[in-house]
Protein backbone atom coordinates (compact mmCIF):
# COMPACT_ATOMS: atom_id res chain seq x y z
CA UNK A 1 14.28 58.16 125.11
CA UNK A 2 11.91 59.15 122.59
CA UNK A 3 14.26 61.97 121.12
CA UNK A 4 16.64 59.74 120.56
CA UNK A 5 14.50 56.89 119.38
CA UNK A 6 13.66 59.39 116.37
CA UNK A 7 16.53 60.78 115.88
CA UNK A 8 17.63 57.26 114.90
CA UNK A 9 14.88 56.79 112.66
CA UNK A 10 15.97 59.90 110.72
CA UNK A 11 19.21 58.35 110.44
CA UNK A 12 17.84 55.08 109.71
CA UNK A 13 15.50 55.99 107.15
CA UNK A 14 18.43 58.18 105.56
CA UNK A 15 20.63 55.38 104.93
CA UNK A 16 17.61 53.20 103.52
CA UNK A 17 16.49 55.79 101.17
CA UNK A 18 20.38 56.24 100.26
CA UNK A 19 20.76 52.55 99.64
CA UNK A 20 17.51 52.27 97.91
CA UNK A 21 18.59 55.13 95.04
CA UNK A 22 22.43 53.68 94.88
CA UNK A 23 20.89 49.67 93.91
CA UNK A 24 17.60 49.91 92.45
CA UNK A 25 18.74 46.92 90.26
CA UNK A 26 18.92 44.57 93.08
CA UNK A 27 15.24 44.66 93.70
CA UNK A 28 13.99 42.11 90.86
CA UNK A 29 13.62 38.99 92.71
CA UNK A 30 12.92 35.71 90.57
CA UNK A 31 10.84 33.37 91.77
CA UNK A 32 12.36 29.48 92.57
CA UNK A 33 9.63 28.36 90.01
CA UNK A 34 11.22 30.22 86.46
CA UNK A 35 14.58 28.76 87.79
CA UNK A 36 12.85 25.28 87.89
CA UNK A 37 11.27 25.67 84.84
CA UNK A 38 14.53 27.00 83.28
CA UNK A 39 16.02 24.02 84.35
CA UNK A 40 13.98 21.44 83.01
CA UNK A 41 14.38 23.23 79.43
CA UNK A 42 17.20 22.82 79.84
CA UNK A 43 17.36 18.91 80.62
CA UNK A 44 15.14 18.53 77.87
CA UNK A 45 16.97 19.97 75.36
CA UNK A 46 19.89 18.03 76.33
CA UNK A 47 18.05 15.27 75.80
CA UNK A 48 17.05 16.31 72.45
CA UNK A 49 20.49 17.16 71.61
CA UNK A 50 21.68 13.53 72.42
CA UNK A 51 18.67 12.09 70.21
CA UNK A 52 19.62 14.20 67.37
CA UNK A 53 23.26 12.54 67.80
CA UNK A 54 21.80 9.10 66.97
CA UNK A 55 19.80 10.79 63.68
CA UNK A 56 21.61 9.67 60.28
CA UNK A 57 21.42 13.70 58.96
CA UNK A 58 25.18 13.74 57.31
CA UNK A 59 26.83 17.34 57.69
CA UNK A 60 23.70 18.93 59.49
CA UNK A 61 24.03 16.66 62.77
CA UNK A 62 26.89 19.62 63.86
CA UNK A 63 24.65 22.26 62.47
CA UNK A 64 21.84 20.95 64.40
CA UNK A 65 23.95 19.91 67.55
CA UNK A 66 25.36 23.68 67.28
CA UNK A 67 21.86 25.25 66.50
CA UNK A 68 20.55 23.38 70.32
CA UNK A 69 23.83 24.40 72.16
CA UNK A 70 23.36 28.16 71.15
CA UNK A 71 19.63 28.08 72.17
CA UNK A 72 20.74 26.38 75.87
CA UNK A 73 23.59 29.26 75.93
CA UNK A 74 20.80 31.51 75.55
CA UNK A 75 18.47 31.09 77.81
CA UNK A 76 21.25 30.69 80.67
CA UNK A 77 22.95 34.03 79.78
CA UNK A 78 18.87 35.59 80.01
CA UNK A 79 17.67 33.54 83.52
CA UNK A 80 20.90 32.55 85.23
CA UNK A 81 23.09 35.87 84.55
CA UNK A 82 19.87 38.07 84.93
CA UNK A 83 20.49 39.81 81.65
CA UNK A 84 16.57 39.65 81.02
CA UNK A 85 16.39 41.60 84.24
CA UNK A 86 19.20 44.04 83.73
CA UNK A 87 19.98 47.51 82.14
CA UNK A 88 19.39 48.31 78.62
CA UNK A 89 23.33 48.97 79.00
CA UNK A 90 24.31 45.25 80.00
CA UNK A 91 22.19 44.14 77.35
CA UNK A 92 24.24 46.44 74.85
CA UNK A 93 26.92 44.89 76.37
CA UNK A 94 26.01 41.41 76.12
CA UNK A 95 25.09 42.13 72.27
CA UNK A 96 28.48 43.82 71.50
CA UNK A 97 30.74 40.70 72.92
CA UNK A 98 27.78 38.29 70.63
CA UNK A 99 28.40 40.64 67.51
CA UNK A 100 32.44 40.73 67.94
CA UNK A 101 32.49 37.02 68.34
CA UNK A 102 30.29 36.92 65.11
CA UNK A 103 32.60 39.60 63.10
CA UNK A 104 35.35 36.66 64.58
CA UNK A 105 34.20 34.00 63.05
CA UNK A 106 32.75 35.59 59.73
CA UNK A 107 36.63 37.04 59.68
CA UNK A 108 38.18 33.41 60.30
CA UNK A 109 35.75 31.60 57.29
CA UNK A 110 36.89 33.91 55.18
CA UNK A 111 40.17 33.40 55.43
CA UNK A 112 39.73 29.43 55.52
CA UNK A 113 37.19 29.29 52.13
CA UNK A 114 39.51 31.37 50.34
CA UNK A 115 42.98 29.73 51.66
CA UNK A 116 42.57 27.61 48.55
CA UNK A 117 41.39 30.34 46.35
CA UNK A 118 42.63 29.53 42.47
CA UNK A 119 43.99 26.43 43.33
CA UNK A 120 41.70 24.14 42.07
């Protein structure tokens, strides 16, 4: 009986080691306190967005609202999508997506601003 039990332990530990080697990134566990803090920050930023919408800032209203929205999106990506705790490759992929988005917005704005070039 002890021989079978010993063989089972060897097979089980080999499987455990294999699982450990192939799933190293799954070991990071975020405490619920972090999620509560992040949720509270997102609610506060939402309240700040609503408060800022009542201010008379003319052309700066949408700029402030978009800035707050970008901060909130960054917090969501970092904590709820676990990019903060991910590998460098995941962070590089996210940065590449943001860079591509900014290039496309830049090209769109360049086209928009030069449409009436010379007609005014």
